[in-house]
């Protein structure tokens, strides 16, 4: 069993600027897991945007707090706390926090089968 806390020193050391507008931490990575690339925590201050980007992995964004405008490919929808968004590998995607609070997202990424 592996237990990692968001505030463990190993996790804090992974903190990075995510796609121009967010702050993220890698909680678990493929270093530990076989079928999942990573589990990350992302924090997007209100008014900020995770810039449009493409990843080679499919992802799930699970909105824990806040919300915003999510774009995946040509699709654009408002998202809020409790929403899960599936992003296919290779699809352009972005998230703009247009809510009244900071947005917190758990990101799960895996290579497609």
C-alpha atoms as a PDB file:
ATOM      1  CA  UNK A   1       0.000   0.000   0.000  1.00  0.00           C
ATOM      2  CA  UNK A   2       1.182   3.490  -0.815  1.00  0.00           C
ATOM      3  CA  UNK A   3      -0.331   6.478   0.958  1.00  0.00           C
ATOM      4  CA  UNK A   4       0.604   9.972  -0.204  1.00  0.00           C
ATOM      5  CA  UNK A   5      -0.684  13.142   1.406  1.00  0.00           C
ATOM      6  CA  UNK A   6      -1.026  16.350  -0.570  1.00  0.00           C
ATOM      7  CA  UNK A   7       1.343  18.014   1.911  1.00  0.00           C
ATOM      8  CA  UNK A   8       4.004  15.276   2.098  1.00  0.00           C
ATOM      9  CA  UNK A   9       7.477  16.663   1.315  1.00  0.00           C
ATOM     10  CA  UNK A  10       7.758  14.370  -1.756  1.00  0.00           C
ATOM     11  CA  UNK A  11       4.472  15.732  -3.115  1.00  0.00           C
ATOM     12  CA  UNK A  12       5.283  19.364  -2.300  1.00  0.00           C
ATOM     13  CA  UNK A  13       8.515  19.020  -4.297  1.00  0.00           C
ATOM     14  CA  UNK A  14       6.477  18.252  -7.421  1.00  0.00           C
ATOM     15  CA  UNK A  15       4.606  21.591  -7.329  1.00  0.00           C
ATOM     16  CA  UNK A  16       4.707  23.286 -10.726  1.00  0.00           C
ATOM     17  CA  UNK A  17       3.005  25.957 -12.846  1.00  0.00           C
ATOM     18  CA  UNK A  18       0.392  24.119 -14.919  1.00  0.00           C
ATOM     19  CA  UNK A  19      -0.344  25.347 -18.439  1.00  0.00           C
ATOM     20  CA  UNK A  20       0.136  29.009 -17.621  1.00  0.00           C
ATOM     21  CA  UNK A  21      -2.628  29.567 -15.078  1.00  0.00           C
ATOM     22  CA  UNK A  22      -2.741  26.827 -12.493  1.00  0.00           C
ATOM     23  CA  UNK A  23      -0.610  25.311  -9.795  1.00  0.00           C
ATOM     24  CA  UNK A  24      -0.386  21.524  -9.672  1.00  0.00           C
ATOM     25  CA  UNK A  25       1.155  18.762  -7.604  1.00  0.00           C
ATOM     26  CA  UNK A  26       1.729  15.162  -8.595  1.00  0.00           C
ATOM     27  CA  UNK A  27       0.302  13.007  -5.824  1.00  0.00           C
ATOM     28  CA  UNK A  28       0.996   9.626  -7.447  1.00  0.00           C
ATOM     29  CA  UNK A  29       2.802   8.861 -10.703  1.00  0.00           C
ATOM     30  CA  UNK A  30       3.612   5.929 -12.964  1.00  0.00           C
ATOM     31  CA  UNK A  31       6.659   5.429 -10.751  1.00  0.00           C
ATOM     32  CA  UNK A  32       4.218   3.624  -8.442  1.00  0.00           C
ATOM     33  CA  UNK A  33       1.321   2.626 -10.710  1.00  0.00           C
ATOM     34  CA  UNK A  34       1.113   0.377 -13.742  1.00  0.00           C
ATOM     35  CA  UNK A  35      -2.119   1.368 -15.499  1.00  0.00           C
ATOM     36  CA  UNK A  36      -2.376   5.041 -14.564  1.00  0.00           C
ATOM     37  CA  UNK A  37       0.101   7.732 -15.575  1.00  0.00           C
ATOM     38  CA  UNK A  38      -0.633  10.096 -12.674  1.00  0.00           C
ATOM     39  CA  UNK A  39      -3.007  11.501 -10.090  1.00  0.00           C
ATOM     40  CA  UNK A  40      -2.556  15.252  -9.693  1.00  0.00           C
ATOM     41  CA  UNK A  41      -4.063  18.061  -7.652  1.00  0.00           C
ATOM     42  CA  UNK A  42      -4.553  21.316  -9.555  1.00  0.00           C
ATOM     43  CA  UNK A  43      -5.475  24.711  -8.156  1.00  0.00           C
ATOM     44  CA  UNK A  44      -6.784  27.404 -10.523  1.00  0.00           C
ATOM     45  CA  UNK A  45      -7.256  30.868  -8.994  1.00  0.00           C
ATOM     46  CA  UNK A  46     -10.398  32.711 -10.043  1.00  0.00           C
ATOM     47  CA  UNK A  47      -9.950  34.531 -13.320  1.00  0.00           C
ATOM     48  CA  UNK A  48      -7.084  32.235 -14.425  1.00  0.00           C
ATOM     49  CA  UNK A  49      -7.008  29.790 -17.331  1.00  0.00           C
ATOM     50  CA  UNK A  50      -5.333  26.462 -17.873  1.00  0.00           C
ATOM     51  CA  UNK A  51      -4.213  27.281 -21.406  1.00  0.00           C
ATOM     52  CA  UNK A  52      -5.323  25.102 -24.300  1.00  0.00           C
ATOM     53  CA  UNK A  53      -3.012  22.120 -24.642  1.00  0.00           C
ATOM     54  CA  UNK A  54      -2.868  18.546 -25.901  1.00  0.00           C
ATOM     55  CA  UNK A  55      -1.738  15.558 -23.846  1.00  0.00           C
ATOM     56  CA  UNK A  56      -0.770  12.070 -25.096  1.00  0.00           C
ATOM     57  CA  UNK A  57      -2.843  10.545 -22.275  1.00  0.00           C
ATOM     58  CA  UNK A  58      -6.568  10.478 -21.672  1.00  0.00           C
ATOM     59  CA  UNK A  59      -7.567  12.418 -18.581  1.00  0.00           C
ATOM     60  CA  UNK A  60     -10.399  12.890 -16.164  1.00  0.00           C
ATOM     61  CA  UNK A  61     -10.788  16.285 -14.522  1.00  0.00           C
ATOM     62  CA  UNK A  62     -12.864  15.948 -11.345  1.00  0.00           C
ATOM     63  CA  UNK A  63     -13.941  19.373 -10.083  1.00  0.00           C
ATOM     64  CA  UNK A  64     -13.756  19.466  -6.268  1.00  0.00           C
ATOM     65  CA  UNK A  65     -14.413  23.179  -5.759  1.00  0.00           C
ATOM     66  CA  UNK A  66     -15.358  26.142  -7.919  1.00  0.00           C
ATOM     67  CA  UNK A  67     -15.887  25.640 -11.600  1.00  0.00           C
ATOM     68  CA  UNK A  68     -15.530  27.346 -14.910  1.00  0.00           C
ATOM     69  CA  UNK A  69     -15.715  26.966 -18.643  1.00  0.00           C
ATOM     70  CA  UNK A  70     -14.238  23.686 -19.906  1.00  0.00           C
ATOM     71  CA  UNK A  71     -13.300  23.229 -23.533  1.00  0.00           C
ATOM     72  CA  UNK A  72     -12.511  19.798 -25.010  1.00  0.00           C
ATOM     73  CA  UNK A  73     -12.021  19.718 -28.765  1.00  0.00           C
ATOM     74  CA  UNK A  74     -14.875  21.770 -30.258  1.00  0.00           C
ATOM     75  CA  UNK A  75     -17.097  21.245 -27.207  1.00  0.00           C
ATOM     76  CA  UNK A  76     -17.460  23.901 -24.504  1.00  0.00           C
ATOM     77  CA  UNK A  77     -19.473  23.536 -21.286  1.00  0.00           C
ATOM     78  CA  UNK A  78     -19.755  25.104 -17.869  1.00  0.00           C
ATOM     79  CA  UNK A  79     -18.493  22.825 -15.105  1.00  0.00           C
ATOM     80  CA  UNK A  80     -18.927  22.962 -11.337  1.00  0.00           C
ATOM     81  CA  UNK A  81     -17.979  21.108  -8.165  1.00  0.00           C
ATOM     82  CA  UNK A  82     -18.934  17.449  -8.466  1.00  0.00           C
ATOM     83  CA  UNK A  83     -18.515  17.285 -12.266  1.00  0.00           C
ATOM     84  CA  UNK A  84     -16.172  14.785 -13.929  1.00  0.00           C
ATOM     85  CA  UNK A  85     -14.914  15.595 -17.435  1.00  0.00           C
ATOM     86  CA  UNK A  86     -13.380  12.950 -19.707  1.00  0.00           C
ATOM     87  CA  UNK A  87     -10.706  14.235 -22.080  1.00  0.00           C
ATOM     88  CA  UNK A  88      -9.646  11.831 -24.849  1.00  0.00           C
ATOM     89  CA  UNK A  89      -5.912  11.514 -25.548  1.00  0.00           C
ATOM     90  CA  UNK A  90      -4.834  14.011 -28.196  1.00  0.00           C
ATOM     91  CA  UNK A  91      -7.805  16.383 -27.754  1.00  0.00           C
ATOM     92  CA  UNK A  92      -7.114  20.086 -27.267  1.00  0.00           C
ATOM     93  CA  UNK A  93      -8.509  21.187 -23.899  1.00  0.00           C
ATOM     94  CA  UNK A  94      -8.570  24.152 -21.521  1.00  0.00           C
ATOM     95  CA  UNK A  95     -10.315  25.336 -18.369  1.00  0.00           C
ATOM     96  CA  UNK A  96     -11.121  28.949 -17.512  1.00  0.00           C
ATOM     97  CA  UNK A  97     -12.122  29.704 -13.945  1.00  0.00           C
ATOM     98  CA  UNK A  98     -14.978  32.158 -14.354  1.00  0.00           C
ATOM     99  CA  UNK A  99     -16.490  31.270 -10.979  1.00  0.00           C
ATOM    100  CA  UNK A 100     -16.519  33.425  -7.851  1.00  0.00           C
ATOM    101  CA  UNK A 101     -13.991  31.204  -6.071  1.00  0.00           C
ATOM    102  CA  UNK A 102     -10.782  29.339  -6.703  1.00  0.00           C
ATOM    103  CA  UNK A 103     -11.215  26.064  -8.580  1.00  0.00           C
ATOM    104  CA  UNK A 104      -9.673  22.819  -7.355  1.00  0.00           C
ATOM    105  CA  UNK A 105      -9.400  19.818  -9.682  1.00  0.00           C
ATOM    106  CA  UNK A 106      -8.182  16.244  -9.288  1.00  0.00           C
ATOM    107  CA  UNK A 107      -6.657  15.037 -12.553  1.00  0.00           C
ATOM    108  CA  UNK A 108      -6.304  11.340 -13.362  1.00  0.00           C
ATOM    109  CA  UNK A 109      -4.329  10.460 -16.496  1.00  0.00           C
ATOM    110  CA  UNK A 110      -3.821   7.115 -18.206  1.00  0.00           C
ATOM    111  CA  UNK A 111      -2.601   5.932 -21.584  1.00  0.00           C
ATOM    112  CA  UNK A 112      -5.432   4.609 -23.760  1.00  0.00           C
ATOM    113  CA  UNK A 113      -5.668   0.839 -24.134  1.00  0.00           C
END
